[in-house]
Amino acid sequence: LWSAGAVGVIGGAPKCAKSWLALEMAVAVASGRSCLGRFDVGDVGPVLLFAAEDAPAQVRQRLEHLAGARDIDFGTLDVRLIVENALRLDRGDDLGRLRLTVQAHRPKLLVLDPWVRLQRVDENKASEVSAILGALRTLSRQFALAIALVHHARKGGAEQPGQGLRGSSDFHAWGDSNLYVRRRGQQIELSVEHRAAAAPPSVALALVADDGPVRLEVQELAVGQA
């Protein structure tokens, strides 16, 4: 699902469960339980998370639900929230503070959600985007850290999901591992892309909200989908 130490994008249109998928990954890495009940975790450890659009209490509630769905004791789950009001990746001071935070906590995974709230550059200008993505890759290499950046797809998307990401093509080129979610009728299709490995088959997801904890579940893809 995600290569060890990889940087990449979790991309898709609004309301396709991108943030839920990022939190599911966080729970898996922090606990060692398989992600989505299917993908084993090879590198277990703390997770650092900045959710720019959600209050910490809401993030905690979602994590509690996802942990409960995997029979994980929430009290043992080592997911650490950055609770600053803002994090601007286009500012040297903020990048420096992020580096110090990573150095102090030594997470295995850093989740940044979403790109649009993390900077004020022109996302269509490759030079401006690549400067930020390059700084994140440097952070990843320095601390053997996986980084998942949540990003939106353009309206209408594209046949190849990586080409449908909003803004510069640098987003697609940057990722060592990329996850794409898009709606196919009543299902959410998850496709995986790796720079240096074969991708697993696409799977269908559903965000389930019944009498139990709210959770992501893997389903069978509808007939005719790859």
Protein backbone atom coordinates (compact mmCIF):
# COMPACT_ATOMS: atom_id res chain seq x y z
CA LEU A 1 0.00 0.00 0.00
CA TRP A 2 2.85 2.41 0.88
CA SER A 3 6.59 1.86 0.58
CA ALA A 4 8.78 2.19 3.66
CA GLY A 5 10.04 5.75 3.94
CA ALA A 6 8.09 6.81 0.85
CA VAL A 7 6.72 10.25 0.14
CA GLY A 8 3.51 10.56 -1.80
CA VAL A 9 0.00 11.81 -2.27
CA ILE A 10 -3.38 10.55 -1.12
CA GLY A 11 -5.45 12.14 -3.88
CA GLY A 12 -9.05 12.33 -4.94
CA ALA A 13 -12.14 14.46 -5.28
CA PRO A 14 -13.92 15.90 -2.23
CA LYS A 15 -16.00 13.48 -0.14
CA CYS A 16 -14.07 10.40 -1.28
CA ALA A 17 -12.77 9.53 2.22
CA LYS A 18 -9.21 10.77 1.65
CA SER A 19 -8.84 11.94 5.24
CA TRP A 20 -10.37 8.72 6.59
CA LEU A 21 -7.87 6.73 4.54
CA ALA A 22 -4.98 8.82 5.89
CA LEU A 23 -6.19 8.20 9.44
CA GLU A 24 -6.60 4.48 8.73
CA MET A 25 -2.94 4.43 7.64
CA ALA A 26 -1.97 6.29 10.81
CA VAL A 27 -3.76 3.76 13.00
CA ALA A 28 -2.12 0.87 11.15
CA VAL A 29 1.42 2.22 11.42
CA ALA A 30 1.01 3.20 15.07
CA SER A 31 -0.52 -0.15 16.08
CA GLY A 32 1.02 -2.66 13.70
CA ARG A 33 -2.44 -3.92 12.69
CA SER A 34 -3.01 -4.42 8.98
CA CYS A 35 -4.28 -1.37 7.13
CA LEU A 36 -7.85 -1.84 5.91
CA GLY A 37 -7.59 -5.34 7.32
CA ARG A 38 -5.56 -6.34 4.25
CA PHE A 39 -2.16 -4.63 4.04
CA ASP A 40 0.44 -5.69 6.61
CA VAL A 41 2.62 -3.08 8.30
CA GLY A 42 6.36 -3.63 8.08
CA ASP A 43 7.58 -0.55 9.96
CA VAL A 44 5.63 0.13 13.17
CA GLY A 45 6.07 3.26 15.23
CA PRO A 46 4.76 6.70 16.17
CA VAL A 47 2.73 8.75 13.72
CA LEU A 48 2.72 12.55 13.53
CA LEU A 49 -0.40 14.15 12.10
CA PHE A 50 -1.46 17.66 11.13
CA ALA A 51 -5.11 18.00 10.13
CA ALA A 52 -5.63 21.57 8.99
CA GLU A 53 -9.40 21.36 8.48
CA ASP A 54 -10.51 19.38 11.52
CA ALA A 55 -10.49 20.21 15.23
CA PRO A 56 -8.31 17.96 17.41
CA ALA A 57 -11.41 16.60 19.18
CA GLN A 58 -12.88 15.53 15.84
CA VAL A 59 -9.63 13.88 14.77
CA ARG A 60 -9.45 12.06 18.10
CA GLN A 61 -13.02 10.80 17.68
CA ARG A 62 -12.27 9.46 14.21
CA LEU A 63 -9.12 7.75 15.45
CA GLU A 64 -11.09 6.19 18.31
CA HIS A 65 -13.62 4.79 15.85
CA LEU A 66 -10.94 3.37 13.55
CA ALA A 67 -9.04 1.85 16.47
CA GLY A 68 -12.22 0.29 17.81
CA ALA A 69 -12.97 -1.25 14.41
CA ARG A 70 -9.56 -3.01 14.53
CA ASP A 71 -9.87 -4.05 18.20
CA ILE A 72 -7.02 -1.73 19.18
CA ASP A 73 -6.75 -0.25 22.68
CA PHE A 74 -6.96 3.46 21.90
CA GLY A 75 -4.90 4.28 24.98
CA THR A 76 -1.90 2.53 23.44
CA LEU A 77 -2.20 4.16 20.01
CA ASP A 78 0.84 6.37 19.42
CA VAL A 79 -0.61 8.99 17.07
CA ARG A 80 0.58 12.48 17.95
CA LEU A 81 -1.31 15.55 16.73
CA ILE A 82 0.26 18.85 15.77
CA VAL A 83 -2.24 21.27 17.28
CA GLU A 84 -0.90 24.56 15.94
CA ASN A 85 -3.54 26.76 14.36
CA ALA A 86 -1.60 26.86 11.10
CA LEU A 87 1.34 25.19 9.39
CA ARG A 88 2.68 26.93 6.29
CA LEU A 89 5.06 24.80 4.24
CA ASP A 90 5.99 27.80 2.10
CA ARG A 91 7.54 29.55 5.10
CA GLY A 92 11.07 28.75 6.15
CA ASP A 93 10.28 29.26 9.84
CA ASP A 94 7.39 26.81 9.76
CA LEU A 95 9.44 24.23 7.86
CA GLY A 96 12.19 24.62 10.43
CA ARG A 97 9.73 24.10 13.28
CA LEU A 98 8.32 21.03 11.52
CA ARG A 99 11.84 19.62 11.16
CA LEU A 100 12.50 20.13 14.89
CA THR A 101 9.19 18.46 15.73
CA VAL A 102 10.04 15.45 13.58
CA GLN A 103 13.50 15.32 15.14
CA ALA A 104 12.00 15.33 18.64
CA HIS A 105 9.29 12.70 18.00
CA ARG A 106 10.96 10.50 15.35
CA PRO A 107 7.72 9.29 13.75
CA LYS A 108 7.57 6.56 11.14
CA LEU A 109 4.80 8.40 9.27
CA LEU A 110 3.92 12.07 8.88
CA VAL A 111 0.42 12.87 7.60
CA LEU A 112 -0.25 16.38 6.23
CA ASP A 113 -3.91 17.02 5.40
CA PRO A 114 -4.68 18.78 3.08
CA TRP A 115 -2.19 20.54 0.79
CA VAL A 116 -4.55 23.43 0.03
CA ARG A 117 -4.47 24.59 3.68
CA LEU A 118 -0.70 24.18 4.10
CA GLN A 119 0.62 26.89 1.78
CA ARG A 120 -0.29 29.92 -0.32
CA VAL A 121 1.75 29.34 -3.45
CA ASP A 122 0.40 29.00 -6.97
CA GLU A 123 -0.06 25.24 -7.18
CA ASN A 124 0.06 25.44 -10.97
CA LYS A 125 3.62 26.80 -10.93
CA ALA A 126 6.05 23.90 -10.90
CA SER A 127 8.88 25.98 -9.40
CA GLU A 128 6.81 26.99 -6.36
CA VAL A 129 5.34 23.54 -5.80
CA SER A 130 8.62 21.70 -6.31
CA ALA A 131 10.39 23.84 -3.69
CA ILE A 132 7.94 22.66 -1.01
CA LEU A 133 7.86 19.05 -2.18
CA GLY A 134 11.65 19.03 -2.33
CA ALA A 135 11.83 20.22 1.28
CA LEU A 136 9.47 17.42 2.33
CA ARG A 137 11.57 14.83 0.51
CA THR A 138 14.68 16.11 2.28
CA LEU A 139 12.85 15.72 5.60
CA SER A 140 11.85 12.19 4.63
CA ARG A 141 15.39 11.17 3.74
CA GLN A 142 16.98 12.78 6.76
CA PHE A 143 14.73 10.99 9.24
CA ALA A 144 13.80 7.80 7.31
CA LEU A 145 10.25 9.09 7.41
CA ALA A 146 7.22 8.25 5.29
CA ILE A 147 5.15 11.31 4.35
CA ALA A 148 1.55 11.19 3.13
CA LEU A 149 0.24 14.46 1.68
CA VAL A 150 -3.53 14.67 1.16
CA HIS A 151 -4.39 16.54 -2.04
CA HIS A 152 -7.47 17.20 -4.16
CA ALA A 153 -8.12 16.07 -7.71
CA ARG A 154 -9.36 18.40 -10.41
CA LYS A 155 -13.05 18.48 -11.23
CA GLY A 156 -13.71 15.87 -13.88
CA GLY A 157 -10.49 14.03 -13.03
CA ALA A 158 -8.59 12.11 -15.69
CA GLU A 159 -8.42 8.59 -17.06
CA GLN A 160 -5.14 8.10 -15.20
CA PRO A 161 -5.79 9.27 -11.62
CA GLY A 162 -2.27 10.63 -11.11
CA GLN A 163 -2.82 13.01 -13.99
CA GLY A 164 -6.02 14.22 -12.40
CA LEU A 165 -4.38 15.79 -9.35
CA ARG A 166 -4.99 19.49 -9.10
CA GLY A 167 -2.11 21.81 -9.98
CA SER A 168 1.40 21.06 -11.20
CA SER A 169 2.38 17.65 -12.56
CA ASP A 170 5.13 17.72 -9.90
CA PHE A 171 2.65 16.23 -7.42
CA HIS A 172 2.37 13.07 -9.49
CA ALA A 173 6.09 12.92 -10.25
CA TRP A 174 7.06 13.48 -6.61
CA GLY A 175 5.36 10.46 -5.12
CA ASP A 176 7.20 7.21 -4.39
CA SER A 177 3.83 5.79 -3.43
CA ASN A 178 0.51 7.38 -4.33
CA LEU A 179 -3.03 6.42 -3.37
CA TYR A 180 -6.01 7.59 -5.41
CA VAL A 181 -9.65 7.39 -4.40
CA ARG A 182 -12.58 8.09 -6.71
CA ARG A 183 -16.25 7.32 -6.70
CA ARG A 184 -17.58 4.62 -8.99
CA GLY A 185 -21.31 4.71 -8.47
CA GLN A 186 -21.93 3.81 -4.84
CA GLN A 187 -18.37 2.61 -4.25
CA ILE A 188 -15.06 4.33 -3.59
CA GLU A 189 -12.32 2.80 -5.71
CA LEU A 190 -8.81 2.82 -4.24
CA SER A 191 -5.92 2.46 -6.67
CA VAL A 192 -2.25 2.27 -5.70
CA GLU A 193 0.82 3.46 -7.57
CA HIS A 194 4.50 2.84 -6.70
CA ARG A 195 7.66 4.20 -8.25
CA ALA A 196 9.72 1.07 -7.62
CA ALA A 197 7.25 -1.78 -7.15
CA ALA A 198 4.25 -3.35 -8.81
CA ALA A 199 0.92 -2.01 -7.66
CA PRO A 200 -1.63 -4.30 -6.02
CA PRO A 201 -5.05 -4.59 -7.68
CA SER A 202 -7.54 -1.82 -7.03
CA VAL A 203 -9.99 -2.36 -4.20
CA ALA A 204 -13.39 -0.90 -3.38
CA LEU A 205 -13.93 0.87 -0.08
CA ALA A 206 -16.98 1.91 1.85
CA LEU A 207 -17.19 4.28 4.79
CA VAL A 208 -19.50 2.38 7.12
CA ALA A 209 -21.52 4.16 9.77
CA ASP A 210 -23.83 1.64 11.43
CA ASP A 211 -24.32 0.73 15.08
CA GLY A 212 -20.58 0.04 15.42
CA PRO A 213 -17.61 2.36 15.05
CA VAL A 214 -17.36 4.42 11.86
CA ARG A 215 -14.80 2.68 9.69
CA LEU A 216 -13.48 1.98 6.23
CA GLU A 217 -14.23 -1.49 4.90
CA VAL A 218 -12.91 -3.25 1.82
CA GLN A 219 -15.60 -4.54 -0.51
CA GLU A 220 -15.62 -6.36 -3.82
CA LEU A 221 -15.31 -4.16 -6.87
CA ALA A 222 -18.37 -3.97 -9.03
CA VAL A 223 -18.40 -6.01 -12.23
CA GLY A 224 -16.30 -4.42 -14.98
CA GLN A 225 -13.91 -2.56 -12.67
CA ALA A 226 -10.22 -3.45 -12.55
